[in-house]
Amino acid sequence: MEETIYTLVREGDWREAERLGRYEGSADDRRDGFLHFSTAAQVRASAAKHRSGVADLLLVAADVRALGEALKFEPASGGKRPGLFPHLYGALPLSAVRSVTPLPLGADGVHVFPAGIP
């Protein structure tokens, strides 16, 4: 089982989360009823598909154990993407966050991920 999962957050949304003490999700998260996360193996493809070209993006890493039963691993909506994706049914408490890392855009327009993300 994964120990760390990742979500992609706009910097302004993250500043609001810091003020509140929890991240309540993007408009897409609120529409779908859960916060979208990815495993380390999934997060690059998620960024390319859902956040392509977003310049103010942060990679937020969360501790799976700290999320408890609100975290479910489920198929992607519509079942079009293989594998199970982590979905958090509730707000992300900042106490569960392991790190917050900027994801700058490279010269090719693709996000530059930190070492350790495949």
N, C-alpha and C. Protein backbone atom coordinates (compact mmCIF):
# COMPACT_ATOMS: atom_id res chain seq x y z
N MET A 1 0.83 -1.18 0.00
CA MET A 1 0.00 0.00 0.00
C MET A 1 0.88 1.25 0.00
N GLU A 2 0.40 2.26 -0.64
CA GLU A 2 1.11 3.54 -0.70
C GLU A 2 1.22 4.15 0.70
N GLU A 3 2.34 4.81 0.96
CA GLU A 3 2.50 5.55 2.21
C GLU A 3 2.25 7.03 2.02
N THR A 4 2.53 7.50 0.80
CA THR A 4 2.37 8.92 0.47
C THR A 4 1.55 9.03 -0.80
N ILE A 5 0.61 9.97 -0.81
CA ILE A 5 -0.16 10.27 -2.02
C ILE A 5 -0.04 11.76 -2.28
N TYR A 6 -0.43 12.17 -3.49
CA TYR A 6 -0.19 13.53 -3.94
C TYR A 6 -1.44 14.17 -4.53
N THR A 7 -1.56 15.47 -4.29
CA THR A 7 -2.60 16.25 -4.94
C THR A 7 -1.95 17.49 -5.53
N LEU A 8 -2.54 18.00 -6.58
CA LEU A 8 -2.03 19.17 -7.29
C LEU A 8 -2.91 20.36 -6.95
N VAL A 9 -2.31 21.39 -6.39
CA VAL A 9 -3.07 22.51 -5.85
C VAL A 9 -2.51 23.83 -6.38
N ARG A 10 -3.39 24.72 -6.79
CA ARG A 10 -2.97 26.08 -7.18
C ARG A 10 -2.49 26.81 -5.93
N GLU A 11 -1.48 27.65 -6.10
CA GLU A 11 -0.87 28.32 -4.96
C GLU A 11 -1.88 29.14 -4.16
N GLY A 12 -2.76 29.88 -4.81
CA GLY A 12 -3.77 30.67 -4.10
C GLY A 12 -4.69 29.81 -3.26
N ASP A 13 -5.08 28.66 -3.79
CA ASP A 13 -5.93 27.73 -3.04
C ASP A 13 -5.19 27.19 -1.81
N TRP A 14 -3.88 26.96 -1.96
CA TRP A 14 -3.10 26.46 -0.85
C TRP A 14 -2.95 27.52 0.25
N ARG A 15 -2.77 28.76 -0.15
CA ARG A 15 -2.68 29.84 0.86
C ARG A 15 -3.98 29.91 1.67
N GLU A 16 -5.12 29.70 1.03
CA GLU A 16 -6.40 29.66 1.73
C GLU A 16 -6.45 28.46 2.68
N ALA A 17 -5.92 27.33 2.25
CA ALA A 17 -5.87 26.14 3.10
C ALA A 17 -5.02 26.41 4.34
N GLU A 18 -3.90 27.09 4.17
CA GLU A 18 -3.05 27.42 5.31
C GLU A 18 -3.80 28.31 6.29
N ARG A 19 -4.59 29.22 5.79
CA ARG A 19 -5.37 30.11 6.64
C ARG A 19 -6.43 29.32 7.42
N LEU A 20 -7.07 28.36 6.74
CA LEU A 20 -8.15 27.57 7.36
C LEU A 20 -7.65 26.41 8.22
N GLY A 21 -6.43 25.95 7.94
CA GLY A 21 -5.91 24.77 8.64
C GLY A 21 -6.29 23.46 7.97
N ARG A 22 -6.88 23.55 6.77
CA ARG A 22 -7.29 22.37 6.01
C ARG A 22 -7.49 22.77 4.55
N TYR A 23 -7.30 21.80 3.67
CA TYR A 23 -7.54 22.03 2.25
C TYR A 23 -8.88 21.40 1.90
N GLU A 24 -9.80 22.21 1.41
CA GLU A 24 -11.14 21.74 1.11
C GLU A 24 -11.35 21.37 -0.35
N GLY A 25 -10.31 21.52 -1.17
CA GLY A 25 -10.37 21.07 -2.55
C GLY A 25 -10.63 22.16 -3.56
N SER A 26 -10.42 21.78 -4.80
CA SER A 26 -10.66 22.67 -5.94
C SER A 26 -12.15 22.62 -6.30
N ALA A 27 -12.52 23.42 -7.27
CA ALA A 27 -13.91 23.38 -7.76
C ALA A 27 -14.24 21.99 -8.30
N ASP A 28 -13.29 21.34 -8.96
CA ASP A 28 -13.51 19.98 -9.47
C ASP A 28 -13.72 19.00 -8.32
N ASP A 29 -12.92 19.14 -7.27
CA ASP A 29 -13.07 18.27 -6.11
C ASP A 29 -14.46 18.43 -5.50
N ARG A 30 -14.86 19.67 -5.31
CA ARG A 30 -16.16 19.92 -4.69
C ARG A 30 -17.29 19.39 -5.57
N ARG A 31 -17.16 19.52 -6.87
CA ARG A 31 -18.17 18.99 -7.80
C ARG A 31 -18.28 17.47 -7.69
N ASP A 32 -17.13 16.80 -7.57
CA ASP A 32 -17.10 15.34 -7.56
C ASP A 32 -17.37 14.74 -6.17
N GLY A 33 -17.29 15.56 -5.12
CA GLY A 33 -17.60 15.08 -3.78
C GLY A 33 -16.42 14.47 -3.04
N PHE A 34 -15.22 14.61 -3.57
CA PHE A 34 -14.01 14.10 -2.91
C PHE A 34 -12.80 14.84 -3.46
N LEU A 35 -11.70 14.80 -2.71
CA LEU A 35 -10.44 15.38 -3.17
C LEU A 35 -9.71 14.34 -4.00
N HIS A 36 -9.26 14.76 -5.18
CA HIS A 36 -8.52 13.88 -6.09
C HIS A 36 -7.05 13.82 -5.68
N PHE A 37 -6.57 12.63 -5.51
CA PHE A 37 -5.15 12.40 -5.24
C PHE A 37 -4.61 11.43 -6.28
N SER A 38 -3.29 11.30 -6.31
CA SER A 38 -2.61 10.35 -7.18
C SER A 38 -1.50 9.68 -6.39
N THR A 39 -1.13 8.49 -6.81
CA THR A 39 0.07 7.85 -6.27
C THR A 39 1.27 8.48 -6.97
N ALA A 40 2.46 8.16 -6.49
CA ALA A 40 3.68 8.67 -7.13
C ALA A 40 3.73 8.25 -8.61
N ALA A 41 3.28 7.03 -8.90
CA ALA A 41 3.31 6.53 -10.27
C ALA A 41 2.26 7.19 -11.17
N GLN A 42 1.24 7.81 -10.58
CA GLN A 42 0.14 8.40 -11.35
C GLN A 42 0.23 9.92 -11.50
N VAL A 43 0.98 10.59 -10.64
CA VAL A 43 0.85 12.04 -10.52
C VAL A 43 1.34 12.81 -11.76
N ARG A 44 2.36 12.34 -12.43
CA ARG A 44 2.81 13.04 -13.65
C ARG A 44 1.71 13.03 -14.72
N ALA A 45 1.09 11.89 -14.93
CA ALA A 45 0.02 11.79 -15.93
C ALA A 45 -1.17 12.65 -15.52
N SER A 46 -1.47 12.69 -14.22
CA SER A 46 -2.57 13.53 -13.74
C SER A 46 -2.28 15.00 -13.99
N ALA A 47 -1.05 15.42 -13.75
CA ALA A 47 -0.67 16.82 -14.01
C ALA A 47 -0.81 17.14 -15.49
N ALA A 48 -0.34 16.23 -16.34
CA ALA A 48 -0.41 16.47 -17.79
C ALA A 48 -1.85 16.53 -18.28
N LYS A 49 -2.71 15.69 -17.72
CA LYS A 49 -4.09 15.63 -18.18
C LYS A 49 -4.96 16.75 -17.60
N HIS A 50 -4.78 17.05 -16.31
CA HIS A 50 -5.71 17.95 -15.64
C HIS A 50 -5.15 19.33 -15.30
N ARG A 51 -3.83 19.50 -15.32
CA ARG A 51 -3.23 20.78 -14.93
C ARG A 51 -2.17 21.25 -15.92
N SER A 52 -2.27 20.81 -17.15
CA SER A 52 -1.30 21.18 -18.17
C SER A 52 -1.20 22.70 -18.30
N GLY A 53 0.02 23.22 -18.24
CA GLY A 53 0.27 24.63 -18.44
C GLY A 53 -0.03 25.52 -17.24
N VAL A 54 -0.48 24.96 -16.13
CA VAL A 54 -0.77 25.76 -14.94
C VAL A 54 0.55 26.15 -14.28
N ALA A 55 0.81 27.45 -14.21
CA ALA A 55 2.12 27.93 -13.76
C ALA A 55 2.25 28.00 -12.24
N ASP A 56 1.16 28.13 -11.51
CA ASP A 56 1.24 28.32 -10.06
C ASP A 56 0.88 27.05 -9.29
N LEU A 57 1.35 25.92 -9.78
CA LEU A 57 0.95 24.63 -9.23
C LEU A 57 1.90 24.17 -8.13
N LEU A 58 1.30 23.56 -7.10
CA LEU A 58 2.07 22.98 -6.00
C LEU A 58 1.77 21.48 -5.93
N LEU A 59 2.78 20.71 -5.61
CA LEU A 59 2.64 19.28 -5.37
C LEU A 59 2.55 19.08 -3.86
N VAL A 60 1.39 18.66 -3.39
CA VAL A 60 1.16 18.47 -1.96
C VAL A 60 1.19 16.97 -1.67
N ALA A 61 2.11 16.57 -0.81
CA ALA A 61 2.26 15.16 -0.42
C ALA A 61 1.58 14.95 0.92
N ALA A 62 0.78 13.88 1.01
CA ALA A 62 0.04 13.59 2.24
C ALA A 62 0.35 12.17 2.73
N ASP A 63 0.34 12.01 4.02
CA ASP A 63 0.58 10.73 4.68
C ASP A 63 -0.72 9.92 4.66
N VAL A 64 -0.71 8.78 3.99
CA VAL A 64 -1.89 7.94 3.86
C VAL A 64 -2.44 7.53 5.22
N ARG A 65 -1.57 7.15 6.14
CA ARG A 65 -2.03 6.68 7.46
C ARG A 65 -2.78 7.76 8.23
N ALA A 66 -2.44 9.02 8.01
CA ALA A 66 -3.08 10.12 8.73
C ALA A 66 -4.49 10.43 8.22
N LEU A 67 -4.86 9.85 7.09
CA LEU A 67 -6.15 10.18 6.47
C LEU A 67 -7.27 9.24 6.88
N GLY A 68 -6.92 8.08 7.41
CA GLY A 68 -7.92 7.17 7.95
C GLY A 68 -8.92 6.66 6.93
N GLU A 69 -10.12 6.38 7.41
CA GLU A 69 -11.16 5.75 6.60
C GLU A 69 -11.78 6.68 5.57
N ALA A 70 -11.48 7.98 5.64
CA ALA A 70 -12.00 8.92 4.64
C ALA A 70 -11.31 8.74 3.29
N LEU A 71 -10.18 8.02 3.27
CA LEU A 71 -9.44 7.78 2.04
C LEU A 71 -9.86 6.45 1.43
N LYS A 72 -10.25 6.49 0.16
CA LYS A 72 -10.64 5.29 -0.58
C LYS A 72 -9.83 5.22 -1.88
N PHE A 73 -9.40 4.02 -2.25
CA PHE A 73 -8.75 3.80 -3.54
C PHE A 73 -9.82 3.25 -4.48
N GLU A 74 -10.10 4.03 -5.54
CA GLU A 74 -11.23 3.71 -6.42
C GLU A 74 -10.84 3.90 -7.88
N PRO A 75 -11.59 3.29 -8.80
CA PRO A 75 -11.35 3.55 -10.22
C PRO A 75 -11.61 5.02 -10.54
N ALA A 76 -10.95 5.52 -11.56
CA ALA A 76 -11.20 6.89 -12.03
C ALA A 76 -12.63 6.98 -12.54
N SER A 77 -13.19 8.18 -12.45
CA SER A 77 -14.57 8.35 -12.93
C SER A 77 -14.66 7.94 -14.39
N GLY A 78 -15.68 7.20 -14.71
CA GLY A 78 -15.85 6.70 -16.07
C GLY A 78 -15.01 5.47 -16.36
N GLY A 79 -14.10 5.13 -15.45
CA GLY A 79 -13.28 3.93 -15.61
C GLY A 79 -12.36 3.96 -16.81
N LYS A 80 -12.04 5.16 -17.31
CA LYS A 80 -11.23 5.27 -18.54
C LYS A 80 -9.73 5.18 -18.27
N ARG A 81 -9.30 5.39 -17.02
CA ARG A 81 -7.88 5.33 -16.70
C ARG A 81 -7.64 4.08 -15.85
N PRO A 82 -6.62 3.31 -16.20
CA PRO A 82 -6.37 2.07 -15.46
C PRO A 82 -5.87 2.34 -14.03
N GLY A 83 -6.13 1.40 -13.17
CA GLY A 83 -5.64 1.49 -11.80
C GLY A 83 -6.64 2.15 -10.88
N LEU A 84 -6.30 2.12 -9.59
CA LEU A 84 -7.13 2.74 -8.57
C LEU A 84 -6.49 4.06 -8.14
N PHE A 85 -7.33 5.07 -7.94
CA PHE A 85 -6.87 6.39 -7.56
C PHE A 85 -7.31 6.71 -6.15
N PRO A 86 -6.47 7.38 -5.38
CA PRO A 86 -6.85 7.76 -4.02
C PRO A 86 -7.83 8.93 -4.04
N HIS A 87 -8.95 8.77 -3.36
CA HIS A 87 -9.97 9.81 -3.24
C HIS A 87 -10.21 10.05 -1.76
N LEU A 88 -10.14 11.31 -1.34
CA LEU A 88 -10.35 11.65 0.06
C LEU A 88 -11.73 12.27 0.22
N TYR A 89 -12.57 11.62 0.98
CA TYR A 89 -13.93 12.08 1.23
C TYR A 89 -13.94 12.95 2.48
N GLY A 90 -13.53 14.17 2.32
CA GLY A 90 -13.43 15.14 3.41
C GLY A 90 -12.27 16.06 3.14
N ALA A 91 -12.09 17.03 3.99
CA ALA A 91 -11.00 17.99 3.84
C ALA A 91 -9.67 17.33 4.21
N LEU A 92 -8.60 17.84 3.62
CA LEU A 92 -7.24 17.39 3.93
C LEU A 92 -6.72 18.21 5.10
N PRO A 93 -6.54 17.59 6.27
CA PRO A 93 -5.99 18.36 7.40
C PRO A 93 -4.51 18.65 7.15
N LEU A 94 -4.08 19.85 7.47
CA LEU A 94 -2.67 20.19 7.23
C LEU A 94 -1.73 19.32 8.05
N SER A 95 -2.23 18.74 9.14
CA SER A 95 -1.40 17.84 9.94
C SER A 95 -1.01 16.57 9.18
N ALA A 96 -1.74 16.23 8.11
CA ALA A 96 -1.43 15.04 7.31
C ALA A 96 -0.47 15.34 6.16
N VAL A 97 -0.13 16.60 5.97
CA VAL A 97 0.71 17.01 4.83
C VAL A 97 2.18 16.80 5.18
N ARG A 98 2.88 16.07 4.31
CA ARG A 98 4.31 15.81 4.49
C ARG A 98 5.17 16.89 3.86
N SER A 99 4.73 17.40 2.70
CA SER A 99 5.51 18.43 2.02
C SER A 99 4.64 19.16 1.00
N VAL A 100 5.09 20.36 0.68
CA VAL A 100 4.46 21.18 -0.37
C VAL A 100 5.60 21.68 -1.24
N THR A 101 5.58 21.29 -2.52
CA THR A 101 6.68 21.58 -3.43
C THR A 101 6.17 22.29 -4.67
N PRO A 102 6.76 23.44 -5.03
CA PRO A 102 6.36 24.09 -6.28
C PRO A 102 6.66 23.20 -7.48
N LEU A 103 5.78 23.25 -8.48
CA LEU A 103 5.98 22.52 -9.74
C LEU A 103 6.09 23.53 -10.87
N PRO A 104 7.28 24.06 -11.09
CA PRO A 104 7.45 25.04 -12.16
C PRO A 104 7.27 24.38 -13.53
N LEU A 105 6.99 25.20 -14.51
CA LEU A 105 6.93 24.72 -15.89
C LEU A 105 8.31 24.78 -16.50
N GLY A 106 8.70 23.71 -17.17
CA GLY A 106 9.97 23.71 -17.89
C GLY A 106 9.85 24.47 -19.19
N ALA A 107 10.94 24.61 -19.90
CA ALA A 107 10.96 25.31 -21.18
C ALA A 107 10.00 24.68 -22.18
N ASP A 108 9.72 23.40 -22.01
CA ASP A 108 8.80 22.69 -22.91
C ASP A 108 7.34 22.81 -22.47
N GLY A 109 7.09 23.55 -21.36
CA GLY A 109 5.72 23.73 -20.88
C GLY A 109 5.22 22.60 -20.01
N VAL A 110 6.07 21.63 -19.71
CA VAL A 110 5.70 20.48 -18.88
C VAL A 110 6.21 20.74 -17.45
N HIS A 111 5.41 20.34 -16.46
CA HIS A 111 5.82 20.56 -15.06
C HIS A 111 7.09 19.80 -14.73
N VAL A 112 7.95 20.45 -13.95
CA VAL A 112 9.21 19.85 -13.50
C VAL A 112 8.97 19.29 -12.11
N PHE A 113 9.04 17.97 -11.99
CA PHE A 113 8.80 17.28 -10.72
C PHE A 113 10.09 17.09 -9.95
N PRO A 114 9.99 17.00 -8.62
CA PRO A 114 11.19 16.76 -7.82
C PRO A 114 11.69 15.32 -8.01
N ALA A 115 12.93 15.10 -7.64
CA ALA A 115 13.51 13.75 -7.67
C ALA A 115 12.65 12.84 -6.80
N GLY A 116 12.53 11.59 -7.21
CA GLY A 116 11.78 10.62 -6.45
C GLY A 116 10.37 10.40 -6.97
N ILE A 117 9.92 11.24 -7.87
CA ILE A 117 8.63 11.04 -8.51
C ILE A 117 8.91 10.43 -9.87
N PRO A 118 8.46 9.17 -10.08
CA PRO A 118 8.80 8.48 -11.35
C PRO A 118 8.24 9.17 -12.58
